Amino acid sequence: MHGKEAIRSAMGLSDMVYTSYLGDMEDAELMLRPAPGCNHLAWQTGHLIASEVSLLKSICPDTATELPEGFAEAHGKENIDCDDASKFCSKDEYLALMKKVRETSLAALDAITDEQLAAASPEQFQPWCPTVGAVFVLIGSHALMHSGQVVPVRRQLGKPVVI
């Protein structure tokens, strides 16, 4: 397996886990928080989408998907306390946008050369993602970082174990 294949595999696994966890959830359930001080699942899902677009733009500026107007702001740090469901998307909207954004990331990965993957990442990412390839790994694994917050909500709701 080569670098791009490994990154693509990580992206696929991350997508499968996160979307499986959201699969049987209702829109209203996405407004639940796993614990006090945690962000609700709608915010987290939008954050994953907006972050992927931002990360991809930082390494492949001409390939990122444009988000709906106000989307990034609704899922930004300044909006973590908002519990108004009307300010957030439905599960189906999130999943469709997540898929569209991921397709753009995969197309960018396919188009990039091994030399470009090995190039230095933007300066702000250097401490944890020193190369462009490492930023692609972050794009691919970010949802797994948040998946652990979906599980407590599933348990609170009595949802079955899906993975």
C-alpha atoms as a PDB file:
ATOM      1  CA  MET A   1       0.000   0.000   0.000  1.00  0.00           C
ATOM      2  CA  HIS A   2       1.296   3.444  -0.916  1.00  0.00           C
ATOM      3  CA  GLY A   3       0.800   6.771   0.828  1.00  0.00           C
ATOM      4  CA  LYS A   4      -2.262   7.919  -1.092  1.00  0.00           C
ATOM      5  CA  GLU A   5      -3.902   4.514  -0.663  1.00  0.00           C
ATOM      6  CA  ALA A   6      -3.295   4.621   3.093  1.00  0.00           C
ATOM      7  CA  ILE A   7      -4.736   8.125   3.355  1.00  0.00           C
ATOM      8  CA  ARG A   8      -7.755   7.124   1.245  1.00  0.00           C
ATOM      9  CA  SER A   9      -8.263   4.067   3.471  1.00  0.00           C
ATOM     10  CA  ALA A  10      -8.120   6.209   6.622  1.00  0.00           C
ATOM     11  CA  MET A  11     -10.659   8.595   5.123  1.00  0.00           C
ATOM     12  CA  GLY A  12     -12.988   5.718   4.283  1.00  0.00           C
ATOM     13  CA  LEU A  13     -12.751   4.218   7.762  1.00  0.00           C
ATOM     14  CA  SER A  14     -13.347   7.563   9.425  1.00  0.00           C
ATOM     15  CA  ASP A  15     -16.349   8.243   7.192  1.00  0.00           C
ATOM     16  CA  MET A  16     -17.821   4.817   7.851  1.00  0.00           C
ATOM     17  CA  VAL A  17     -17.502   5.138  11.647  1.00  0.00           C
ATOM     18  CA  TYR A  18     -18.911   8.650  11.903  1.00  0.00           C
ATOM     19  CA  THR A  19     -21.797   8.156   9.480  1.00  0.00           C
ATOM     20  CA  SER A  20     -22.664   4.812  11.097  1.00  0.00           C
ATOM     21  CA  TYR A  21     -22.942   6.527  14.459  1.00  0.00           C
ATOM     22  CA  LEU A  22     -25.251   9.179  13.013  1.00  0.00           C
ATOM     23  CA  GLY A  23     -27.195   6.741  10.821  1.00  0.00           C
ATOM     24  CA  ASP A  24     -30.209   6.080  13.041  1.00  0.00           C
ATOM     25  CA  MET A  25     -30.242   9.429  14.812  1.00  0.00           C
ATOM     26  CA  GLU A  26     -33.028  11.981  14.395  1.00  0.00           C
ATOM     27  CA  ASP A  27     -32.378  15.646  13.637  1.00  0.00           C
ATOM     28  CA  ALA A  28     -33.403  16.700  17.156  1.00  0.00           C
ATOM     29  CA  GLU A  29     -30.964  14.198  18.660  1.00  0.00           C
ATOM     30  CA  LEU A  30     -28.080  15.994  16.945  1.00  0.00           C
ATOM     31  CA  MET A  31     -28.737  18.906  19.303  1.00  0.00           C
ATOM     32  CA  LEU A  32     -27.762  16.786  22.311  1.00  0.00           C
ATOM     33  CA  ARG A  33     -24.453  17.270  24.086  1.00  0.00           C
ATOM     34  CA  PRO A  34     -22.491  14.237  25.288  1.00  0.00           C
ATOM     35  CA  ALA A  35     -21.660  15.981  28.589  1.00  0.00           C
ATOM     36  CA  PRO A  36     -21.725  19.453  30.102  1.00  0.00           C
ATOM     37  CA  GLY A  37     -19.192  21.661  28.366  1.00  0.00           C
ATOM     38  CA  CYS A  38     -19.168  19.563  25.186  1.00  0.00           C
ATOM     39  CA  ASN A  39     -20.508  20.720  21.848  1.00  0.00           C
ATOM     40  CA  HIS A  40     -23.727  19.210  20.547  1.00  0.00           C
ATOM     41  CA  LEU A  41     -23.520  16.769  17.666  1.00  0.00           C
ATOM     42  CA  ALA A  42     -24.924  19.188  15.081  1.00  0.00           C
ATOM     43  CA  TRP A  43     -22.187  21.705  15.875  1.00  0.00           C
ATOM     44  CA  GLN A  44     -19.532  18.976  15.846  1.00  0.00           C
ATOM     45  CA  THR A  45     -20.680  17.631  12.480  1.00  0.00           C
ATOM     46  CA  GLY A  46     -20.674  21.086  10.946  1.00  0.00           C
ATOM     47  CA  HIS A  47     -17.275  21.737  12.499  1.00  0.00           C
ATOM     48  CA  LEU A  48     -15.916  18.613  10.814  1.00  0.00           C
ATOM     49  CA  ILE A  49     -17.237  19.797   7.449  1.00  0.00           C
ATOM     50  CA  ALA A  50     -15.998  23.390   7.811  1.00  0.00           C
ATOM     51  CA  SER A  51     -12.629  22.205   9.109  1.00  0.00           C
ATOM     52  CA  GLU A  52     -12.141  19.874   6.166  1.00  0.00           C
ATOM     53  CA  VAL A  53     -12.816  22.697   3.724  1.00  0.00           C
ATOM     54  CA  SER A  54     -10.426  24.994   5.586  1.00  0.00           C
ATOM     55  CA  LEU A  55      -7.681  22.376   5.858  1.00  0.00           C
ATOM     56  CA  LEU A  56      -7.972  21.470   2.191  1.00  0.00           C
ATOM     57  CA  LYS A  57      -7.875  25.131   1.140  1.00  0.00           C
ATOM     58  CA  SER A  58      -4.673  25.547   3.141  1.00  0.00           C
ATOM     59  CA  ILE A  59      -2.852  22.880   1.108  1.00  0.00           C
ATOM     60  CA  CYS A  60      -4.790  22.886  -2.195  1.00  0.00           C
ATOM     61  CA  PRO A  61      -6.255  26.387  -2.452  1.00  0.00           C
ATOM     62  CA  ASP A  62      -7.970  25.900  -5.805  1.00  0.00           C
ATOM     63  CA  THR A  63      -9.836  22.681  -4.982  1.00  0.00           C
ATOM     64  CA  ALA A  64     -11.942  23.234  -1.870  1.00  0.00           C
ATOM     65  CA  THR A  65     -15.740  23.105  -1.873  1.00  0.00           C
ATOM     66  CA  GLU A  66     -17.579  26.322  -1.098  1.00  0.00           C
ATOM     67  CA  LEU A  67     -19.830  26.026   1.939  1.00  0.00           C
ATOM     68  CA  PRO A  68     -23.301  27.556   2.145  1.00  0.00           C
ATOM     69  CA  GLU A  69     -23.240  31.165   3.312  1.00  0.00           C
ATOM     70  CA  GLY A  70     -22.878  31.409   7.088  1.00  0.00           C
ATOM     71  CA  PHE A  71     -22.144  27.692   7.518  1.00  0.00           C
ATOM     72  CA  ALA A  72     -18.585  28.064   8.826  1.00  0.00           C
ATOM     73  CA  GLU A  73     -19.678  30.816  11.224  1.00  0.00           C
ATOM     74  CA  ALA A  74     -22.587  28.728  12.572  1.00  0.00           C
ATOM     75  CA  HIS A  75     -20.099  25.963  13.368  1.00  0.00           C
ATOM     76  CA  GLY A  76     -17.280  28.180  14.615  1.00  0.00           C
ATOM     77  CA  LYS A  77     -15.962  28.576  18.139  1.00  0.00           C
ATOM     78  CA  GLU A  78     -18.032  31.709  18.690  1.00  0.00           C
ATOM     79  CA  ASN A  79     -21.226  29.660  18.276  1.00  0.00           C
ATOM     80  CA  ILE A  80     -20.522  26.666  20.537  1.00  0.00           C
ATOM     81  CA  ASP A  81     -23.131  27.713  23.092  1.00  0.00           C
ATOM     82  CA  CYS A  82     -25.996  28.008  20.596  1.00  0.00           C
ATOM     83  CA  ASP A  83     -28.784  25.498  21.230  1.00  0.00           C
ATOM     84  CA  ASP A  84     -31.224  26.943  18.685  1.00  0.00           C
ATOM     85  CA  ALA A  85     -31.876  24.012  16.323  1.00  0.00           C
ATOM     86  CA  SER A  86     -33.090  26.398  13.608  1.00  0.00           C
ATOM     87  CA  LYS A  87     -29.507  27.660  13.272  1.00  0.00           C
ATOM     88  CA  PHE A  88     -28.246  24.212  12.314  1.00  0.00           C
ATOM     89  CA  CYS A  89     -28.816  21.711   9.497  1.00  0.00           C
ATOM     90  CA  SER A  90     -30.733  18.467   9.332  1.00  0.00           C
ATOM     91  CA  LYS A  91     -28.826  15.207   9.540  1.00  0.00           C
ATOM     92  CA  ASP A  92     -29.438  14.590   5.841  1.00  0.00           C
ATOM     93  CA  GLU A  93     -28.090  18.035   4.945  1.00  0.00           C
ATOM     94  CA  TYR A  94     -24.976  17.439   7.026  1.00  0.00           C
ATOM     95  CA  LEU A  95     -24.380  14.006   5.517  1.00  0.00           C
ATOM     96  CA  ALA A  96     -24.852  15.254   1.947  1.00  0.00           C
ATOM     97  CA  LEU A  97     -22.480  18.168   2.496  1.00  0.00           C
ATOM     98  CA  MET A  98     -19.982  15.913   4.269  1.00  0.00           C
ATOM     99  CA  LYS A  99     -20.018  13.575   1.262  1.00  0.00           C
ATOM    100  CA  LYS A 100     -19.578  16.446  -1.207  1.00  0.00           C
ATOM    101  CA  VAL A 101     -16.666  17.893   0.762  1.00  0.00           C
ATOM    102  CA  ARG A 102     -15.022  14.484   1.082  1.00  0.00           C
ATOM    103  CA  GLU A 103     -15.323  13.892  -2.663  1.00  0.00           C
ATOM    104  CA  THR A 104     -13.470  17.167  -3.209  1.00  0.00           C
ATOM    105  CA  SER A 105     -10.752  16.103  -0.768  1.00  0.00           C
ATOM    106  CA  LEU A 106     -10.375  12.735  -2.474  1.00  0.00           C
ATOM    107  CA  ALA A 107     -10.128  14.386  -5.894  1.00  0.00           C
ATOM    108  CA  ALA A 108      -7.415  16.696  -4.552  1.00  0.00           C
ATOM    109  CA  LEU A 109      -5.577  13.706  -3.086  1.00  0.00           C
ATOM    110  CA  ASP A 110      -5.765  11.892  -6.413  1.00  0.00           C
ATOM    111  CA  ALA A 111      -4.375  14.926  -8.255  1.00  0.00           C
ATOM    112  CA  ILE A 112      -1.448  15.587  -5.940  1.00  0.00           C
ATOM    113  CA  THR A 113       1.997  14.105  -6.543  1.00  0.00           C
ATOM    114  CA  ASP A 114       4.065  12.153  -4.039  1.00  0.00           C
ATOM    115  CA  GLU A 115       6.511  15.064  -4.012  1.00  0.00           C
ATOM    116  CA  GLN A 116       3.706  17.464  -3.106  1.00  0.00           C
ATOM    117  CA  LEU A 117       2.564  15.122  -0.321  1.00  0.00           C
ATOM    118  CA  ALA A 118       6.088  15.223   1.106  1.00  0.00           C
ATOM    119  CA  ALA A 119       6.275  19.039   0.943  1.00  0.00           C
ATOM    120  CA  ALA A 120       6.119  21.126   4.093  1.00  0.00           C
ATOM    121  CA  SER A 121       2.642  21.997   5.326  1.00  0.00           C
ATOM    122  CA  PRO A 122       1.596  25.579   6.053  1.00  0.00           C
ATOM    123  CA  GLU A 123       3.458  27.013   9.030  1.00  0.00           C
ATOM    124  CA  GLN A 124       0.482  26.913  11.428  1.00  0.00           C
ATOM    125  CA  PHE A 125       0.290  23.106  11.054  1.00  0.00           C
ATOM    126  CA  GLN A 126       4.000  22.378  11.406  1.00  0.00           C
ATOM    127  CA  PRO A 127       3.930  21.284  15.084  1.00  0.00           C
ATOM    128  CA  TRP A 128       1.521  18.382  14.449  1.00  0.00           C
ATOM    129  CA  CYS A 129       1.270  18.018  10.654  1.00  0.00           C
ATOM    130  CA  PRO A 130       4.698  18.792   9.190  1.00  0.00           C
ATOM    131  CA  THR A 131       3.864  17.740   5.612  1.00  0.00           C
ATOM    132  CA  VAL A 132       1.005  18.147   3.174  1.00  0.00           C
ATOM    133  CA  GLY A 133       0.499  14.386   3.449  1.00  0.00           C
ATOM    134  CA  ALA A 134       0.109  14.727   7.215  1.00  0.00           C
ATOM    135  CA  VAL A 135      -2.585  17.369   6.677  1.00  0.00           C
ATOM    136  CA  PHE A 136      -4.409  14.898   4.429  1.00  0.00           C
ATOM    137  CA  VAL A 137      -4.142  12.328   7.244  1.00  0.00           C
ATOM    138  CA  LEU A 138      -5.661  14.888   9.626  1.00  0.00           C
ATOM    139  CA  ILE A 139      -8.473  15.529   7.137  1.00  0.00           C
ATOM    140  CA  GLY A 140      -9.057  11.781   6.977  1.00  0.00           C
ATOM    141  CA  SER A 141      -8.975  11.104  10.709  1.00  0.00           C
ATOM    142  CA  HIS A 142     -10.600  14.206  12.197  1.00  0.00           C
ATOM    143  CA  ALA A 143     -14.058  12.606  12.395  1.00  0.00           C
ATOM    144  CA  LEU A 144     -12.617   9.778  14.483  1.00  0.00           C
ATOM    145  CA  MET A 145     -11.560  12.376  17.061  1.00  0.00           C
ATOM    146  CA  HIS A 146     -15.207  13.390  17.391  1.00  0.00           C
ATOM    147  CA  SER A 147     -16.745   9.928  17.125  1.00  0.00           C
ATOM    148  CA  GLY A 148     -16.040   9.293  20.782  1.00  0.00           C
ATOM    149  CA  GLN A 149     -18.409  12.123  21.632  1.00  0.00           C
ATOM    150  CA  VAL A 150     -21.239  10.631  19.602  1.00  0.00           C
ATOM    151  CA  VAL A 151     -21.161   7.347  21.529  1.00  0.00           C
ATOM    152  CA  PRO A 152     -22.256   8.814  24.914  1.00  0.00           C
ATOM    153  CA  VAL A 153     -25.232  10.479  23.224  1.00  0.00           C
ATOM    154  CA  ARG A 154     -26.132   7.164  21.599  1.00  0.00           C
ATOM    155  CA  ARG A 155     -25.926   5.460  25.014  1.00  0.00           C
ATOM    156  CA  GLN A 156     -28.084   8.164  26.641  1.00  0.00           C
ATOM    157  CA  LEU A 157     -30.700   7.564  23.925  1.00  0.00           C
ATOM    158  CA  GLY A 158     -30.604   3.776  24.272  1.00  0.00           C
ATOM    159  CA  LYS A 159     -29.396   3.348  20.677  1.00  0.00           C
ATOM    160  CA  PRO A 160     -27.824   0.022  19.734  1.00  0.00           C
ATOM    161  CA  VAL A 161     -24.108  -0.519  19.293  1.00  0.00           C
ATOM    162  CA  VAL A 162     -23.429  -0.089  15.570  1.00  0.00           C
ATOM    163  CA  ILE A 163     -19.725  -0.858  15.370  1.00  0.00           C
END
